[in-house]
Amino acid sequence: MKNSIKHTRRTESQIREVLSLQAQNTNLSVTEFCRINMIHKANFYNWRNKYQADNVKPGQFIPVHLDDSVEESKLFAELELGSKVKVRLFQKVDATYFKALLK
């Protein structure tokens, strides 16, 4: 019989801690991070998909609600992204929503 190490399941808080640790170490690739922390890459990606579901994925539709009654004079901010994209904000928005628009 081989000597095998029994792996215990991580709790949700432990998984979130590992995910935040990886997010802080942007200089490491996912493969290197998983090797160092002895995590299978498939587990890492499954955890990231499950526990970081609040992050908007690239290409995912972001609903934008426009009110036709809003006048141009009430424009809060206008940003030009590239040569063809303009973002007009008519009120303050949450930073996470705005970051999701920029992805």
N, C-alpha and C. Protein backbone atom coordinates (compact mmCIF):
# COMPACT_ATOMS: atom_id res chain seq x y z
N MET A 1 0.84 -1.18 0.00
CA MET A 1 0.00 0.00 0.00
C MET A 1 0.88 1.23 0.00
N LYS A 2 0.58 2.16 -0.87
CA LYS A 2 1.38 3.37 -0.97
C LYS A 2 1.05 4.30 0.19
N ASN A 3 2.06 5.10 0.54
CA ASN A 3 1.81 6.13 1.54
C ASN A 3 1.09 7.27 0.85
N SER A 4 -0.13 7.48 1.22
CA SER A 4 -0.88 8.57 0.62
C SER A 4 -1.32 9.53 1.70
N ILE A 5 -1.36 10.78 1.31
CA ILE A 5 -1.79 11.82 2.23
C ILE A 5 -3.28 12.03 2.00
N LYS A 6 -4.04 11.96 3.08
CA LYS A 6 -5.47 12.19 2.96
C LYS A 6 -5.71 13.69 2.94
N HIS A 7 -6.32 14.14 1.87
CA HIS A 7 -6.62 15.57 1.73
C HIS A 7 -7.97 15.86 2.35
N THR A 8 -8.02 16.88 3.14
CA THR A 8 -9.28 17.28 3.74
C THR A 8 -9.94 18.34 2.88
N ARG A 9 -11.22 18.41 2.95
CA ARG A 9 -11.96 19.42 2.19
C ARG A 9 -11.77 20.77 2.84
N ARG A 10 -11.68 21.77 2.00
CA ARG A 10 -11.55 23.14 2.51
C ARG A 10 -12.94 23.73 2.70
N THR A 11 -13.06 24.57 3.70
CA THR A 11 -14.32 25.26 3.93
C THR A 11 -14.44 26.42 2.93
N GLU A 12 -15.63 26.98 2.86
CA GLU A 12 -15.85 28.09 1.95
C GLU A 12 -14.94 29.27 2.29
N SER A 13 -14.77 29.55 3.56
CA SER A 13 -13.92 30.67 3.96
C SER A 13 -12.46 30.41 3.58
N GLN A 14 -12.01 29.16 3.71
CA GLN A 14 -10.63 28.81 3.30
C GLN A 14 -10.47 28.97 1.80
N ILE A 15 -11.47 28.57 1.04
CA ILE A 15 -11.41 28.68 -0.41
C ILE A 15 -11.37 30.15 -0.82
N ARG A 16 -12.21 30.96 -0.21
CA ARG A 16 -12.20 32.39 -0.52
C ARG A 16 -10.86 33.03 -0.16
N GLU A 17 -10.25 32.57 0.91
CA GLU A 17 -8.93 33.07 1.31
C GLU A 17 -7.88 32.71 0.26
N VAL A 18 -7.93 31.48 -0.24
CA VAL A 18 -6.99 31.05 -1.28
C VAL A 18 -7.20 31.87 -2.55
N LEU A 19 -8.46 32.12 -2.92
CA LEU A 19 -8.75 32.91 -4.12
C LEU A 19 -8.27 34.35 -3.97
N SER A 20 -8.45 34.92 -2.79
CA SER A 20 -7.97 36.29 -2.59
C SER A 20 -6.44 36.34 -2.58
N LEU A 21 -5.82 35.29 -2.07
CA LEU A 21 -4.36 35.22 -2.08
C LEU A 21 -3.84 35.18 -3.52
N GLN A 22 -4.52 34.42 -4.38
CA GLN A 22 -4.10 34.34 -5.77
C GLN A 22 -4.33 35.68 -6.47
N ALA A 23 -5.41 36.36 -6.13
CA ALA A 23 -5.69 37.65 -6.76
C ALA A 23 -4.63 38.68 -6.38
N GLN A 24 -4.07 38.56 -5.18
CA GLN A 24 -3.02 39.48 -4.74
C GLN A 24 -1.69 39.19 -5.41
N ASN A 25 -1.44 37.92 -5.73
CA ASN A 25 -0.18 37.52 -6.35
C ASN A 25 -0.34 37.47 -7.87
N THR A 26 -0.45 38.63 -8.48
CA THR A 26 -0.68 38.67 -9.92
C THR A 26 0.58 38.32 -10.72
N ASN A 27 1.73 38.32 -10.06
CA ASN A 27 2.96 37.97 -10.80
C ASN A 27 3.11 36.46 -11.00
N LEU A 28 2.30 35.66 -10.30
CA LEU A 28 2.33 34.20 -10.47
C LEU A 28 1.24 33.78 -11.44
N SER A 29 1.56 32.83 -12.29
CA SER A 29 0.52 32.27 -13.15
C SER A 29 -0.34 31.34 -12.30
N VAL A 30 -1.51 31.00 -12.81
CA VAL A 30 -2.41 30.11 -12.08
C VAL A 30 -1.75 28.75 -11.88
N THR A 31 -1.04 28.29 -12.89
CA THR A 31 -0.36 27.00 -12.80
C THR A 31 0.67 27.00 -11.68
N GLU A 32 1.48 28.04 -11.61
CA GLU A 32 2.49 28.13 -10.56
C GLU A 32 1.85 28.26 -9.19
N PHE A 33 0.80 29.07 -9.08
CA PHE A 33 0.11 29.25 -7.81
C PHE A 33 -0.46 27.93 -7.32
N CYS A 34 -1.08 27.18 -8.22
CA CYS A 34 -1.68 25.89 -7.85
C CYS A 34 -0.61 24.89 -7.43
N ARG A 35 0.52 24.89 -8.11
CA ARG A 35 1.60 23.97 -7.76
C ARG A 35 2.15 24.29 -6.38
N ILE A 36 2.36 25.57 -6.10
CA ILE A 36 2.90 25.98 -4.80
C ILE A 36 1.95 25.64 -3.67
N ASN A 37 0.65 25.84 -3.90
CA ASN A 37 -0.35 25.61 -2.86
C ASN A 37 -0.97 24.22 -2.90
N MET A 38 -0.43 23.36 -3.75
CA MET A 38 -0.88 21.98 -3.90
C MET A 38 -2.39 21.89 -4.14
N ILE A 39 -2.82 22.64 -5.15
CA ILE A 39 -4.22 22.65 -5.57
C ILE A 39 -4.26 22.21 -7.02
N HIS A 40 -5.17 21.35 -7.34
CA HIS A 40 -5.33 20.97 -8.73
C HIS A 40 -5.94 22.14 -9.49
N LYS A 41 -5.45 22.38 -10.71
CA LYS A 41 -5.93 23.52 -11.49
C LYS A 41 -7.44 23.48 -11.71
N ALA A 42 -7.96 22.30 -11.94
CA ALA A 42 -9.41 22.17 -12.15
C ALA A 42 -10.18 22.62 -10.91
N ASN A 43 -9.68 22.23 -9.73
CA ASN A 43 -10.32 22.68 -8.49
C ASN A 43 -10.27 24.19 -8.37
N PHE A 44 -9.12 24.76 -8.68
CA PHE A 44 -8.97 26.21 -8.58
C PHE A 44 -9.99 26.92 -9.46
N TYR A 45 -10.10 26.50 -10.73
CA TYR A 45 -11.04 27.15 -11.64
C TYR A 45 -12.50 26.92 -11.21
N ASN A 46 -12.80 25.71 -10.70
CA ASN A 46 -14.15 25.45 -10.19
C ASN A 46 -14.47 26.36 -9.01
N TRP A 47 -13.52 26.52 -8.10
CA TRP A 47 -13.72 27.40 -6.95
C TRP A 47 -13.92 28.84 -7.42
N ARG A 48 -13.09 29.27 -8.34
CA ARG A 48 -13.18 30.64 -8.81
C ARG A 48 -14.54 30.90 -9.47
N ASN A 49 -15.02 29.95 -10.26
CA ASN A 49 -16.32 30.11 -10.90
C ASN A 49 -17.46 30.10 -9.89
N LYS A 50 -17.32 29.28 -8.86
CA LYS A 50 -18.40 29.14 -7.88
C LYS A 50 -18.42 30.28 -6.88
N TYR A 51 -17.26 30.65 -6.34
CA TYR A 51 -17.22 31.59 -5.23
C TYR A 51 -16.95 33.03 -5.65
N GLN A 52 -16.61 33.25 -6.88
CA GLN A 52 -16.44 34.61 -7.36
C GLN A 52 -17.43 34.88 -8.47
N ALA A 53 -18.63 34.39 -8.30
CA ALA A 53 -19.66 34.54 -9.32
C ALA A 53 -20.14 35.98 -9.42
N ASP A 54 -19.85 36.81 -8.40
CA ASP A 54 -20.27 38.19 -8.44
C ASP A 54 -19.45 39.01 -9.41
N ASN A 55 -18.30 38.51 -9.84
CA ASN A 55 -17.49 39.21 -10.84
C ASN A 55 -18.11 39.01 -12.21
N VAL A 56 -18.20 40.07 -12.96
CA VAL A 56 -18.75 39.99 -14.31
C VAL A 56 -17.68 39.43 -15.23
N LYS A 57 -18.05 38.43 -15.97
CA LYS A 57 -17.11 37.80 -16.89
C LYS A 57 -17.07 38.58 -18.19
N PRO A 58 -15.90 38.62 -18.86
CA PRO A 58 -15.83 39.33 -20.13
C PRO A 58 -16.83 38.75 -21.13
N GLY A 59 -17.49 39.61 -21.83
CA GLY A 59 -18.47 39.16 -22.82
C GLY A 59 -19.85 38.96 -22.26
N GLN A 60 -20.00 39.03 -20.93
CA GLN A 60 -21.31 38.87 -20.34
C GLN A 60 -22.11 40.16 -20.49
N PHE A 61 -23.37 40.04 -20.73
CA PHE A 61 -24.23 41.20 -20.93
C PHE A 61 -24.41 41.97 -19.64
N ILE A 62 -24.23 43.27 -19.71
CA ILE A 62 -24.44 44.14 -18.56
C ILE A 62 -25.66 44.99 -18.87
N PRO A 63 -26.72 44.84 -18.10
CA PRO A 63 -27.92 45.61 -18.41
C PRO A 63 -27.72 47.10 -18.14
N VAL A 64 -28.16 47.91 -19.06
CA VAL A 64 -28.09 49.36 -18.92
C VAL A 64 -29.52 49.88 -19.00
N HIS A 65 -29.92 50.60 -17.97
CA HIS A 65 -31.27 51.13 -17.93
C HIS A 65 -31.23 52.61 -18.28
N LEU A 66 -31.88 52.96 -19.35
CA LEU A 66 -31.93 54.34 -19.79
C LEU A 66 -33.32 54.89 -19.57
N ASP A 67 -33.38 56.09 -19.08
CA ASP A 67 -34.65 56.77 -18.88
C ASP A 67 -34.77 57.82 -19.98
N ASP A 68 -35.78 57.67 -20.82
CA ASP A 68 -35.96 58.60 -21.94
C ASP A 68 -36.27 60.01 -21.49
N SER A 69 -36.74 60.17 -20.28
CA SER A 69 -37.11 61.50 -19.81
C SER A 69 -35.91 62.31 -19.32
N VAL A 70 -34.74 61.67 -19.22
CA VAL A 70 -33.54 62.37 -18.75
C VAL A 70 -33.06 63.33 -19.84
N GLU A 71 -32.86 64.56 -19.45
CA GLU A 71 -32.40 65.55 -20.41
C GLU A 71 -30.88 65.57 -20.48
N GLU A 72 -30.37 66.07 -21.58
CA GLU A 72 -28.92 66.16 -21.78
C GLU A 72 -28.27 67.07 -20.74
N SER A 73 -29.00 68.05 -20.23
CA SER A 73 -28.43 68.99 -19.27
C SER A 73 -28.15 68.34 -17.92
N LYS A 74 -28.71 67.17 -17.66
CA LYS A 74 -28.50 66.49 -16.39
C LYS A 74 -27.39 65.45 -16.48
N LEU A 75 -26.53 65.58 -17.46
CA LEU A 75 -25.43 64.65 -17.65
C LEU A 75 -24.46 64.76 -16.49
N PHE A 76 -24.16 63.63 -15.84
CA PHE A 76 -23.25 63.61 -14.69
C PHE A 76 -21.80 63.52 -15.16
N ALA A 77 -21.53 62.63 -16.11
CA ALA A 77 -20.16 62.46 -16.64
C ALA A 77 -20.23 61.81 -18.02
N GLU A 78 -19.24 62.12 -18.83
CA GLU A 78 -19.14 61.49 -20.14
C GLU A 78 -17.69 61.07 -20.34
N LEU A 79 -17.49 59.81 -20.65
CA LEU A 79 -16.15 59.27 -20.86
C LEU A 79 -16.04 58.77 -22.28
N GLU A 80 -14.90 59.02 -22.89
CA GLU A 80 -14.66 58.52 -24.24
C GLU A 80 -13.62 57.42 -24.15
N LEU A 81 -14.01 56.21 -24.52
CA LEU A 81 -13.13 55.04 -24.47
C LEU A 81 -12.80 54.65 -25.90
N GLY A 82 -11.59 54.92 -26.30
CA GLY A 82 -11.23 54.65 -27.69
C GLY A 82 -11.86 55.70 -28.59
N SER A 83 -11.91 55.42 -29.86
CA SER A 83 -12.42 56.41 -30.79
C SER A 83 -13.92 56.26 -31.06
N LYS A 84 -14.50 55.11 -30.72
CA LYS A 84 -15.88 54.86 -31.09
C LYS A 84 -16.83 54.68 -29.90
N VAL A 85 -16.31 54.63 -28.71
CA VAL A 85 -17.15 54.32 -27.56
C VAL A 85 -17.22 55.50 -26.61
N LYS A 86 -18.44 55.92 -26.33
CA LYS A 86 -18.69 56.97 -25.34
C LYS A 86 -19.59 56.40 -24.26
N VAL A 87 -19.24 56.69 -23.02
CA VAL A 87 -20.06 56.27 -21.88
C VAL A 87 -20.58 57.53 -21.23
N ARG A 88 -21.89 57.63 -21.16
CA ARG A 88 -22.51 58.78 -20.51
C ARG A 88 -23.18 58.32 -19.23
N LEU A 89 -22.85 58.99 -18.15
CA LEU A 89 -23.42 58.67 -16.85
C LEU A 89 -24.31 59.82 -16.42
N PHE A 90 -25.53 59.49 -16.03
CA PHE A 90 -26.47 60.51 -15.62
C PHE A 90 -26.65 60.54 -14.10
N GLN A 91 -25.93 59.67 -13.42
CA GLN A 91 -25.94 59.65 -11.97
C GLN A 91 -24.69 58.91 -11.50
N LYS A 92 -24.41 58.99 -10.21
CA LYS A 92 -23.27 58.25 -9.66
C LYS A 92 -23.57 56.77 -9.78
N VAL A 93 -22.53 55.99 -10.12
CA VAL A 93 -22.69 54.55 -10.22
C VAL A 93 -21.67 53.89 -9.31
N ASP A 94 -21.97 52.66 -8.93
CA ASP A 94 -21.06 51.88 -8.11
C ASP A 94 -19.78 51.59 -8.90
N ALA A 95 -18.66 51.63 -8.24
CA ALA A 95 -17.37 51.43 -8.91
C ALA A 95 -17.27 50.05 -9.54
N THR A 96 -17.83 49.02 -8.90
CA THR A 96 -17.76 47.67 -9.46
C THR A 96 -18.54 47.57 -10.76
N TYR A 97 -19.66 48.28 -10.84
CA TYR A 97 -20.44 48.29 -12.08
C TYR A 97 -19.65 48.97 -13.19
N PHE A 98 -19.02 50.07 -12.86
CA PHE A 98 -18.24 50.78 -13.87
C PHE A 98 -17.04 49.96 -14.33
N LYS A 99 -16.37 49.28 -13.40
CA LYS A 99 -15.24 48.42 -13.77
C LYS A 99 -15.70 47.30 -14.69
N ALA A 100 -16.89 46.77 -14.44
CA ALA A 100 -17.42 45.70 -15.29
C ALA A 100 -17.68 46.22 -16.70
N LEU A 101 -18.07 47.47 -16.83
CA LEU A 101 -18.28 48.05 -18.15
C LEU A 101 -16.96 48.17 -18.92
N LEU A 102 -15.88 48.39 -18.21
CA LEU A 102 -14.58 48.61 -18.85
C LEU A 102 -13.92 47.31 -19.29
N LYS A 103 -14.37 46.18 -18.81
CA LYS A 103 -13.72 44.92 -19.17
C LYS A 103 -14.01 44.55 -20.58
